[in-house]
Each structure stands twice: as structure tokens, then as C-alpha cells.
């Protein structure tokens, strides 16, 4: 007789179950009952890696069970992740040799996550609590692996910012190799072996977590630094294991070749920047030609067998890319603002969808714009209007936008600036603490 009520999964961490709930499902770490393991053992690939990739979190509904057993994690191959090829293919761009090694039986590469539990996104309202609750797992992994680790790759804005903050005393000699790419690396005092400090290198790639494959020229520059300036120069033995050879940057096009003869529409520019899925190429072309409508979009999705929820996430990212282009001159025209509103309607983006699906990208855009606004410790009326535009575009409340603004305003206030000139609101208690810190 078959046994009944046998558990199919086991929860091995409940720290965050009261932080985030959806219906009856709670934020927790569920693993198969046939092969249980703790969150600190969640490591995909080599279990004593020399290269560690840190992503944000497994994406899926709250309460999703980690289907992989411990053996599955040990034998992980990125090429086997058919449902996540768009995600894992980005690692090919920054080093094909690293990806090939990860996909082999001699792998020295592994991936883990900042947060170990499944969720469709990381809600900005709870991210700090999640970091407080979950970071000790990642910290324990880094410490346990410290004798072997040579290179750590931070995938995305949230991971990069968190690691910089948590390990600020371990970082030194930050290098920002390109002015036009949000990418940097630093030496990392990772641990001690016989009283001798061990040095690793940690790479911060905020833009890596975007949904679309990255612009080839941008990726090639990052690949050049990772393979030539970091791996080959600093870790020759690791480079041999990766079968790495010196990489040369392609010769750039001449100015004549690079300059377009006609002005391109924003969506033509986006198609040049990214290798979009075929269905999005069709939709972008329709938009550029002024032929886009809901019926045509639905037909394109149907013809390409694209799930609506997948499409919505891509549509949101498409609008983000348009917004980035619009903000390149630090001005949002009325025409651009109205066009963004049109795109939101065209793609059926509802109030709050931006924040729910892609708050990490919102943070990236807002952080970049606010940094530029506050660099002179004064907010002009035009810049204040730009902040309002940002708030409205992303369907943020005043309080949400103000929380993004506070960190940028703290330094000017410490230096004596008047909050009235900074377009920010602090409570009396917050302002008193700020001023007290400035005096002391």
C-alpha cells in the first residue's frame, strides 16, 4: 500500500516568512524532501569554486520549491537551464571561456544568490529587511570558500550595491575602466591563510541583470578587462584551467561608418543596442513605422507562442530602455513624456507594474539621475520638475520618491546645505540626527 501524507518538500529556512506573503504562500526556502539542504548550501556548480557569480534571487512565485536536489546543484550545467537561457547566455558575453568551464566536468565556477528564496521580484519596501535576514548565508558561503576564491562577479545593481556596503572594509583600489559603462572592479581582502591575507578581485556589473542581451560593443569592453586585465594578469593558473587566451578588442568603426545618414527612431536605436527576441523586433518595427496597435501586438504574441506574463516583463524593460534614451540629455520633453504614457497604454502597463516587476531598474535609473541632480548640492526648479517626472513615470508615491532622495541629500546637509535648496523632506528627528552628525 502506498504511503500517504509523505511531504514533497521541506522548509529549511523560515526567517522571512512574516516579511513577505502572497495569499497563503510565505517567503521561505523550500527544498525537495528527498534531498534537503540549508540555504548556505545553495551553490550551483563547483562546490569549491575559484570564480563565484552572485545573482539577485531565483525568480518565480512566492513559495516555489527549489526543484534541484543537492546532486543537481553539484552537477549544475548552465546549458541545461532551458527556461533561463536568456539569463545564462549573458555570462557567455563577459567570458565565453568561463561559461565553457562552468558547463564542463572540470568546472571551477559556481553561482549563488543574494537572496536564496523564490520571488517574482525583490520588493523595494522589504529589501533592507531581506538583506538583514539573509545576508549571513552569503557571508558564510564567501568565508567557507575563501581559500579558493579568486574572482567574484556581482550581477546587477542590488547585488553590487549590497556587496560594496557590506564589505566596504575589505575593498581597495577601485578601478572604473570606462567612462561610458557602469562597470568597476576592486581588490578584495577575502580571508587569511597562515596569517597571510588572501587577495581576490571582485567585479561589479550593475547592468548585467537587464532582461535583454547586452550591446555587443559594451560587453566586449567588459570581457576585455575581465579576461586580460584580471584573469590573465592576476590569476595565470586559473586562466590555464579556463583555457583562456589573450582577447583583443575589435577595431572600432570609422567615424564615417559609425555615423548614421538619417536620424533613427528610439526603437531603431534600441534594436541596435540589444539582441531582442524576434517577436520584440517585430513590435519595435511596427512602433517605428507607426503601425502598432493592441490587435497587432496580440497577433505577434500568438504567432510567436509568447506567454502574456513574459511579454509584459519584456514590454516594461522596453519602456525602460526608451526612458534611458529620453534622459540622455537630462531633459524629459513633453513629447517624450506623452510618448511614454502612450507606450504604457499600448502595452497595458497598469499602475504599480513598474514597481512590482522591475524595481531594480527603477533604482538604477533614479539613482543615476539623482546623483547628477545632487552633485552640486543644489536642486534647480528644472531639476525639481525632473524629479516629479521620474516619480510620475514610475508610478511612485511622494514618500517612495523621497526615500530615494534622502541618501543623496545627506552629504550636502552634512556639508552645511539648506534642505530647502535640496527638494527633500526629513522629519524633525531625522534632521536633528543629520545636523548632530555634521557637528560631531
Protein backbone atom coordinates (compact mmCIF):
# COMPACT_ATOMS: atom_id res chain seq x y z
CA UNK A 1 0.00 0.00 0.00
CA UNK A 2 1.36 3.41 -0.97
CA UNK A 3 2.24 5.65 1.93
CA UNK A 4 0.11 8.80 2.21
CA UNK A 5 0.84 12.29 3.52
CA UNK A 6 4.52 11.98 2.63
CA UNK A 7 5.93 15.53 2.41
CA UNK A 8 7.12 16.50 -1.07
CA UNK A 9 9.17 19.43 0.17
CA UNK A 10 10.80 20.65 3.35
CA UNK A 11 11.25 24.22 4.54
CA UNK A 12 14.80 24.73 5.81
CA UNK A 13 14.62 28.49 6.46
CA UNK A 14 11.66 30.50 7.77
CA UNK A 15 13.42 33.72 8.76
CA UNK A 16 11.50 35.85 6.23
CA UNK A 17 8.12 34.11 6.26
CA UNK A 18 6.50 37.03 8.09
CA UNK A 19 8.20 39.61 5.88
CA UNK A 20 6.52 38.79 2.60
CA UNK A 21 3.36 36.78 1.93
CA UNK A 22 1.15 36.27 -1.12
CA UNK A 23 -2.15 34.61 -0.22
CA UNK A 24 -1.23 31.56 1.82
CA UNK A 25 2.33 31.40 0.49
CA UNK A 26 5.18 32.81 2.54
CA UNK A 27 8.72 33.84 1.71
CA UNK A 28 10.73 30.78 2.73
CA UNK A 29 13.38 28.33 1.48
CA UNK A 30 11.71 25.12 0.26
CA UNK A 31 13.75 22.15 -0.99
CA UNK A 32 12.85 18.60 -2.12
CA UNK A 33 12.19 16.25 0.79
CA UNK A 34 14.33 13.57 -0.90
CA UNK A 35 17.42 15.80 -0.68
CA UNK A 36 17.23 18.56 1.90
CA UNK A 37 19.84 21.28 2.32
CA UNK A 38 20.19 24.64 4.04
CA UNK A 39 20.33 27.99 2.16
CA UNK A 40 24.09 28.26 2.75
CA UNK A 41 24.49 25.09 0.62
CA UNK A 42 22.69 26.69 -2.35
CA UNK A 43 25.59 26.77 -4.80
CA UNK A 44 25.12 25.92 -8.48
CA UNK A 45 28.22 24.31 -9.93
CA UNK A 46 31.65 23.61 -8.45
CA UNK A 47 31.39 23.31 -4.66
CA UNK A 48 34.91 24.73 -4.15
CA UNK A 49 34.87 27.38 -6.86
CA UNK A 50 37.60 29.80 -7.84
CA UNK A 51 35.02 32.02 -9.57
CA UNK A 52 31.78 32.85 -7.76
CA UNK A 53 28.90 34.62 -9.52
CA UNK A 54 26.37 36.33 -7.24
CA UNK A 55 22.93 36.96 -8.77
CA UNK A 56 19.91 38.52 -7.04
CA UNK A 57 17.49 35.65 -6.36
CA UNK A 58 15.69 32.74 -8.04
CA UNK A 59 12.76 34.18 -9.98
CA UNK A 60 9.33 32.59 -9.57
CA UNK A 61 6.14 32.77 -7.49
CA UNK A 62 6.42 33.09 -3.72
CA UNK A 63 6.59 29.63 -2.16
CA UNK A 64 8.13 27.92 -5.21
CA UNK A 65 10.10 24.80 -4.29
CA UNK A 66 13.74 24.53 -5.32
CA UNK A 67 13.42 21.50 -7.58
CA UNK A 68 17.14 20.82 -7.64
CA UNK A 69 18.50 18.22 -5.25
CA UNK A 70 21.95 18.59 -3.74
CA UNK A 71 23.34 16.36 -6.50
CA UNK A 72 21.64 18.57 -9.11
CA UNK A 73 23.42 21.61 -7.68
CA UNK A 74 26.79 19.85 -7.72
CA UNK A 75 26.28 18.72 -11.33
CA UNK A 76 24.75 22.00 -12.50
CA UNK A 77 25.35 22.99 -16.13
CA UNK A 78 24.13 26.41 -17.36
CA UNK A 79 23.41 25.00 -20.83
CA UNK A 80 20.89 22.64 -19.21
CA UNK A 81 18.72 25.51 -17.96
CA UNK A 82 16.41 25.63 -20.98
CA UNK A 83 13.92 28.01 -19.33
CA UNK A 84 16.64 30.50 -18.39
CA UNK A 85 18.91 30.55 -21.42
CA UNK A 86 18.45 34.30 -21.92
CA UNK A 87 19.76 34.83 -18.38
CA UNK A 88 22.70 32.44 -18.50
CA UNK A 89 23.77 33.42 -22.02
CA UNK A 90 24.88 36.80 -20.66
CA UNK A 91 27.75 35.08 -18.88
CA UNK A 92 28.99 33.92 -22.28
CA UNK A 93 29.35 37.58 -23.22
CA UNK A 94 31.60 38.53 -20.33
CA UNK A 95 33.74 35.39 -20.79
CA UNK A 96 32.96 32.50 -23.10
CA UNK A 97 35.88 30.60 -21.56
CA UNK A 98 34.41 30.98 -18.08
CA UNK A 99 30.99 29.82 -19.30
CA UNK A 100 32.51 26.81 -21.10
CA UNK A 101 34.39 25.80 -17.95
CA UNK A 102 31.23 26.15 -15.84
CA UNK A 103 29.47 23.89 -18.35
CA UNK A 104 32.21 21.22 -18.15
CA UNK A 105 33.01 18.40 -15.76
CA UNK A 106 36.16 20.25 -14.64
CA UNK A 107 34.29 23.35 -13.54
CA UNK A 108 35.85 25.89 -11.18
CA UNK A 109 32.81 28.19 -11.44
CA UNK A 110 29.64 28.42 -9.35
CA UNK A 111 26.69 30.74 -8.92
CA UNK A 112 24.70 31.64 -5.83
CA UNK A 113 22.16 34.35 -4.98
CA UNK A 114 21.99 37.32 -2.65
CA UNK A 115 18.55 36.06 -1.56
CA UNK A 116 18.00 32.31 -1.70
CA UNK A 117 14.18 32.16 -1.86
CA UNK A 118 11.97 32.39 -4.92
CA UNK A 119 10.05 35.58 -5.64
CA UNK A 120 8.93 37.30 -8.86
CA UNK A 121 10.92 40.38 -7.87
CA UNK A 122 12.59 41.95 -4.84
CA UNK A 123 10.14 44.47 -3.40
CA UNK A 124 11.91 47.73 -2.58
CA UNK A 125 9.88 48.07 0.64
CA UNK A 126 11.33 44.88 2.13
CA UNK A 127 14.76 44.58 0.51
CA UNK A 128 16.60 46.01 3.54
CA UNK A 129 14.85 43.51 5.82
CA UNK A 130 15.68 40.68 3.42
CA UNK A 131 19.33 41.74 3.39
CA UNK A 132 19.41 41.79 7.20
CA UNK A 133 17.80 38.36 7.37
CA UNK A 134 19.55 36.58 4.52
CA UNK A 135 22.99 38.12 4.04
CA UNK A 136 24.62 35.88 6.66
CA UNK A 137 24.09 32.92 4.32
CA UNK A 138 26.07 34.59 1.54
CA UNK A 139 28.63 35.84 4.03
CA UNK A 140 29.08 32.28 5.30
CA UNK A 141 29.49 30.98 1.76
CA UNK A 142 32.19 33.56 0.95
CA UNK A 143 34.01 32.77 4.19
CA UNK A 144 33.85 29.00 3.64
CA UNK A 145 35.07 29.33 0.06
CA UNK A 146 37.69 31.98 0.78
CA UNK A 147 40.75 29.73 0.42
CA UNK A 148 39.88 29.02 -3.22
CA UNK A 149 38.10 32.14 -4.49
CA UNK A 150 39.96 34.31 -6.97
CA UNK A 151 37.17 36.20 -8.73
CA UNK A 152 33.70 37.27 -7.57
CA UNK A 153 31.23 38.64 -10.13
CA UNK A 154 28.33 40.77 -8.84
CA UNK A 155 25.37 40.56 -11.21
CA UNK A 156 23.08 43.60 -11.04
CA UNK A 157 22.58 46.87 -9.19
CA UNK A 158 21.21 45.46 -5.93
CA UNK A 159 23.95 42.84 -5.61
CA UNK A 160 26.71 45.33 -6.46
CA UNK A 161 25.45 47.98 -4.03
CA UNK A 162 24.90 45.47 -1.21
CA UNK A 163 28.36 43.90 -1.55
CA UNK A 164 30.02 47.33 -1.67
CA UNK A 165 28.22 48.32 1.53
CA UNK A 166 28.65 45.07 3.47
CA UNK A 167 32.30 44.55 2.53
CA UNK A 168 33.44 48.19 2.38
CA UNK A 169 36.35 47.50 4.75
CA UNK A 170 37.53 44.61 2.54
CA UNK A 171 37.68 46.59 -0.71
CA UNK A 172 40.63 48.59 -2.01
CA UNK A 173 41.95 50.13 -5.22
CA UNK A 174 38.63 50.53 -7.02
CA UNK A 175 39.09 50.73 -10.81
CA UNK A 176 36.49 52.26 -13.16
CA UNK A 177 37.93 51.46 -16.58
CA UNK A 178 35.36 53.17 -18.82
CA UNK A 179 33.50 56.47 -18.53
CA UNK A 180 30.59 55.24 -20.64
CA UNK A 181 29.98 51.89 -18.89
CA UNK A 182 28.69 51.37 -15.35
CA UNK A 183 31.29 48.73 -14.53
CA UNK A 184 34.11 48.57 -11.98
CA UNK A 185 36.34 46.18 -10.05
CA UNK A 186 38.29 46.17 -6.81
CA UNK A 187 40.79 44.14 -4.81
CA UNK A 188 39.05 42.14 -2.11
CA UNK A 189 40.69 41.03 1.17
CA UNK A 190 38.80 37.79 1.36
CA UNK A 191 40.38 35.89 4.25
CA UNK A 192 43.56 34.68 5.87
CA UNK A 193 45.70 31.63 5.36
CA UNK A 194 48.59 31.11 7.82
CA UNK A 195 48.37 34.78 8.81
CA UNK A 196 48.74 35.88 5.20
CA UNK A 197 45.92 37.92 3.70
CA UNK A 198 44.34 36.39 0.61
CA UNK A 199 43.53 38.72 -2.27
CA UNK A 200 40.68 38.15 -4.67
CA UNK A 201 39.16 40.51 -7.22
CA UNK A 202 35.51 41.47 -7.12
CA UNK A 203 33.77 42.76 -10.25
CA UNK A 204 30.66 44.96 -10.16
CA UNK A 205 28.43 44.75 -13.26
CA UNK A 206 25.18 46.60 -12.43
CA UNK A 207 23.81 46.43 -15.97
CA UNK A 208 24.17 42.64 -16.24
CA UNK A 209 20.76 41.91 -14.68
CA UNK A 210 18.74 43.50 -17.51
CA UNK A 211 16.28 41.27 -19.36
CA UNK A 212 17.73 41.79 -22.84
CA UNK A 213 21.05 40.53 -24.18
CA UNK A 214 23.57 43.33 -23.97
CA UNK A 215 25.01 45.53 -26.69
CA UNK A 216 27.95 43.72 -28.25
CA UNK A 217 30.41 46.63 -28.06
CA UNK A 218 29.63 47.17 -24.38
CA UNK A 219 30.08 43.51 -23.49
CA UNK A 220 33.34 43.26 -25.42
CA UNK A 221 34.87 46.05 -23.35
CA UNK A 222 33.88 44.33 -20.10
CA UNK A 223 35.13 40.99 -21.43
CA UNK A 224 38.50 42.56 -22.30
CA UNK A 225 39.00 43.81 -18.73
CA UNK A 226 37.86 40.57 -17.06
CA UNK A 227 39.91 38.26 -19.26
CA UNK A 228 43.04 40.35 -19.93
CA UNK A 229 43.47 42.74 -17.00
CA UNK A 230 42.11 40.49 -14.25
CA UNK A 231 42.32 36.79 -15.08
CA UNK A 232 45.41 36.60 -17.31
CA UNK A 233 47.46 39.17 -15.38
CA UNK A 234 46.46 38.38 -11.82
CA UNK A 235 45.50 34.68 -11.93
CA UNK A 236 47.53 32.84 -14.60
CA UNK A 237 46.91 29.37 -13.09
CA UNK A 238 43.16 29.93 -13.06
CA UNK A 239 43.40 31.21 -16.66
CA UNK A 240 45.00 27.91 -17.69
CA UNK A 241 42.09 25.99 -16.17
CA UNK A 242 39.72 28.18 -18.17
CA UNK A 243 41.84 27.61 -21.32
CA UNK A 244 41.90 31.37 -21.64
CA UNK A 245 43.77 33.18 -24.37
CA UNK A 246 44.52 36.88 -24.73
CA UNK A 247 41.50 38.75 -26.03
CA UNK A 248 41.73 41.69 -28.43
CA UNK A 249 39.09 44.37 -28.72
CA UNK A 250 37.63 44.60 -32.23
CA UNK A 251 38.72 47.64 -34.24
CA UNK A 252 36.03 50.31 -33.89
CA UNK A 253 34.20 51.53 -36.94
CA UNK A 254 35.43 54.70 -38.56
CA UNK A 255 33.52 57.86 -37.81
CA UNK A 256 32.08 57.78 -41.32
CA UNK A 257 30.86 54.20 -40.87
CA UNK A 258 29.53 54.84 -37.37
CA UNK A 259 27.57 57.99 -38.23
CA UNK A 260 24.05 57.31 -39.49
CA UNK A 261 22.91 59.10 -42.61
CA UNK A 262 19.42 59.53 -41.21
CA UNK A 263 18.09 60.15 -37.71
CA UNK A 264 16.97 56.87 -36.16
CA UNK A 265 13.79 56.45 -34.13
CA UNK A 266 14.30 55.44 -30.46
CA UNK A 267 13.16 51.89 -31.17
CA UNK A 268 15.57 51.53 -34.06
CA UNK A 269 18.30 52.63 -31.64
CA UNK A 270 17.14 50.10 -29.04
CA UNK A 271 17.31 47.32 -31.63
CA UNK A 272 20.90 48.32 -32.37
CA UNK A 273 21.80 48.21 -28.68
CA UNK A 274 20.29 44.82 -27.86
CA UNK A 275 19.75 41.41 -29.43
CA UNK A 276 15.99 41.39 -28.93
CA UNK A 277 13.77 38.31 -29.23
CA UNK A 278 12.21 38.07 -32.69
CA UNK A 279 8.72 38.98 -31.50
CA UNK A 280 10.03 42.18 -29.90
CA UNK A 281 11.90 43.09 -33.09
CA UNK A 282 8.59 42.85 -34.94
CA UNK A 283 6.80 45.00 -32.37
CA UNK A 284 9.61 47.60 -32.33
CA UNK A 285 9.49 47.80 -36.12
CA UNK A 286 5.73 48.29 -36.01
CA UNK A 287 6.12 51.07 -33.44
CA UNK A 288 8.84 52.78 -35.50
CA UNK A 289 6.60 52.66 -38.57
CA UNK A 290 3.60 53.96 -36.61
CA UNK A 291 1.61 50.75 -37.18
CA UNK A 292 1.47 49.41 -33.63
CA UNK A 293 -1.88 48.62 -32.03
CA UNK A 294 -3.17 46.14 -29.48
CA UNK A 295 -4.58 43.71 -32.06
CA UNK A 296 -1.27 43.59 -33.92
CA UNK A 297 0.67 43.06 -30.68
CA UNK A 298 -1.64 40.22 -29.60
CA UNK A 299 -1.28 38.61 -33.06
CA UNK A 300 2.53 38.84 -32.80
CA UNK A 301 2.46 37.21 -29.35
CA UNK A 302 0.16 34.45 -30.62
CA UNK A 303 2.25 33.80 -33.75
CA UNK A 304 5.42 33.51 -31.66
CA UNK A 305 3.78 31.47 -28.86
CA UNK A 306 4.77 34.06 -26.22
CA UNK A 307 3.14 33.99 -22.79
CA UNK A 308 1.49 37.30 -21.83
CA UNK A 309 3.29 37.48 -18.45
CA UNK A 310 6.66 37.01 -20.17
CA UNK A 311 5.75 39.66 -22.71
CA UNK A 312 4.72 42.15 -20.02
CA UNK A 313 8.13 41.88 -18.34
CA UNK A 314 9.81 42.46 -21.72
CA UNK A 315 7.50 45.38 -22.51
CA UNK A 316 8.37 47.02 -19.20
CA UNK A 317 12.07 46.62 -19.97
CA UNK A 318 11.48 48.05 -23.45
CA UNK A 319 9.90 51.16 -21.93
CA UNK A 320 12.83 51.44 -19.51
CA UNK A 321 15.24 51.46 -22.44
CA UNK A 322 13.22 54.22 -24.07
CA UNK A 323 13.28 56.19 -20.81
CA UNK A 324 17.07 55.82 -20.63
CA UNK A 325 17.35 57.26 -24.13
CA UNK A 326 14.99 60.09 -23.23
CA UNK A 327 17.10 61.04 -20.19
CA UNK A 328 20.42 61.06 -22.05
CA UNK A 329 20.21 64.86 -22.36
CA UNK A 330 18.94 65.16 -18.73
CA UNK A 331 15.69 66.66 -20.03
CA UNK A 332 12.33 64.98 -20.43
CA UNK A 333 10.35 66.83 -23.08
CA UNK A 334 6.55 66.95 -23.11
CA UNK A 335 6.62 64.85 -26.29
CA UNK A 336 8.81 62.19 -24.66
CA UNK A 337 6.66 62.11 -21.54
CA UNK A 338 3.47 61.73 -23.59
CA UNK A 339 5.10 59.00 -25.68
CA UNK A 340 6.00 57.04 -22.55
CA UNK A 341 2.37 57.36 -21.39
CA UNK A 342 1.30 56.10 -24.84
CA UNK A 343 3.62 53.09 -24.56
CA UNK A 344 2.29 52.23 -21.11
CA UNK A 345 -1.25 52.25 -22.51
CA UNK A 346 -0.24 50.31 -25.62
CA UNK A 347 1.39 47.58 -23.55
CA UNK A 348 -1.35 47.60 -20.87
CA UNK A 349 1.11 48.57 -18.12
CA UNK A 350 -1.00 49.24 -15.04
CA UNK A 351 -0.30 51.45 -12.04
CA UNK A 352 2.34 49.72 -9.92
CA UNK A 353 3.51 47.25 -12.61
CA UNK A 354 6.88 49.02 -12.91
CA UNK A 355 7.50 48.80 -9.20
CA UNK A 356 6.35 45.18 -8.89
CA UNK A 357 8.20 43.79 -11.91
CA UNK A 358 11.40 45.80 -12.09
CA UNK A 359 12.11 47.93 -9.05
CA UNK A 360 15.83 47.21 -9.52
CA UNK A 361 15.80 49.01 -12.86
CA UNK A 362 13.82 51.87 -11.34
CA UNK A 363 16.51 52.20 -8.69
CA UNK A 364 19.23 52.20 -11.33
CA UNK A 365 17.63 55.00 -13.39
CA UNK A 366 16.59 57.09 -10.39
CA UNK A 367 19.95 56.68 -8.64
CA UNK A 368 21.79 57.81 -11.78
CA UNK A 369 19.55 60.86 -12.28
CA UNK A 370 19.57 61.87 -8.60
CA UNK A 371 23.37 61.57 -8.45
CA UNK A 372 23.62 64.08 -11.29
CA UNK A 373 21.00 66.36 -9.74
CA UNK A 374 22.69 66.49 -6.33
CA UNK A 375 26.32 66.65 -7.45
CA UNK A 376 26.37 70.46 -6.97
CA UNK A 377 24.42 70.33 -3.65
CA UNK A 378 21.59 72.39 -5.13
CA UNK A 379 18.34 71.49 -6.89
CA UNK A 380 17.15 73.93 -9.54
CA UNK A 381 13.44 74.34 -10.36
CA UNK A 382 14.03 72.44 -13.61
CA UNK A 383 15.68 69.58 -11.71
CA UNK A 384 12.80 69.53 -9.21
CA UNK A 385 10.39 69.12 -12.14
CA UNK A 386 12.57 66.31 -13.47
CA UNK A 387 12.19 64.53 -10.13
CA UNK A 388 8.41 64.89 -10.40
CA UNK A 389 8.56 63.44 -13.91
CA UNK A 390 10.54 60.44 -12.60
CA UNK A 391 8.01 59.94 -9.83
CA UNK A 392 5.08 60.03 -12.24
CA UNK A 393 6.70 57.83 -14.89
CA UNK A 394 7.32 55.02 -12.43
CA UNK A 395 4.00 55.46 -10.55
CA UNK A 396 5.79 56.23 -7.29
CA UNK A 397 4.25 57.96 -4.29
CA UNK A 398 5.81 61.11 -2.83
CA UNK A 399 7.11 59.08 0.11
CA UNK A 400 8.73 56.49 -2.16
CA UNK A 401 10.49 59.16 -4.22
CA UNK A 402 11.54 60.98 -1.07
CA UNK A 403 13.16 57.78 0.28
CA UNK A 404 15.24 57.54 -2.90
CA UNK A 405 16.22 61.20 -2.48
CA UNK A 406 17.27 61.17 1.19
CA UNK A 407 20.65 59.40 0.74
CA UNK A 408 21.64 61.91 -1.95
CA UNK A 409 20.73 64.87 0.24
CA UNK A 410 22.51 63.70 3.40
CA UNK A 411 26.03 64.61 2.28
CA UNK A 412 25.13 68.18 1.22
CA UNK A 413 23.34 68.69 4.56
CA UNK A 414 26.40 67.38 6.42
CA UNK A 415 28.37 69.98 4.49
CA UNK A 416 26.00 72.77 5.54
CA UNK A 417 23.47 72.92 2.69
CA UNK A 418 19.93 74.09 3.41
CA UNK A 419 17.30 71.31 2.96
CA UNK A 420 15.05 73.89 1.28
CA UNK A 421 17.56 74.02 -1.58
CA UNK A 422 17.60 70.22 -1.89
CA UNK A 423 13.92 69.43 -2.59
CA UNK A 424 13.77 66.77 0.12
CA UNK A 425 11.77 66.17 3.28
CA UNK A 426 13.27 64.94 6.57
CA UNK A 427 11.34 64.57 9.81
CA UNK A 428 12.50 66.72 12.73
CA UNK A 429 14.18 63.69 14.33
CA UNK A 430 15.96 62.75 11.09
CA UNK A 431 17.16 66.31 10.53
CA UNK A 432 18.37 66.63 14.13
CA UNK A 433 20.40 63.43 13.79
CA UNK A 434 21.86 64.64 10.48
CA UNK A 435 22.89 68.01 11.91
CA UNK A 436 24.26 66.37 15.05
CA UNK A 437 26.39 64.11 12.87
CA UNK A 438 27.61 67.09 10.89
CA UNK A 439 28.67 68.94 14.07
CA UNK A 440 30.38 65.95 15.69
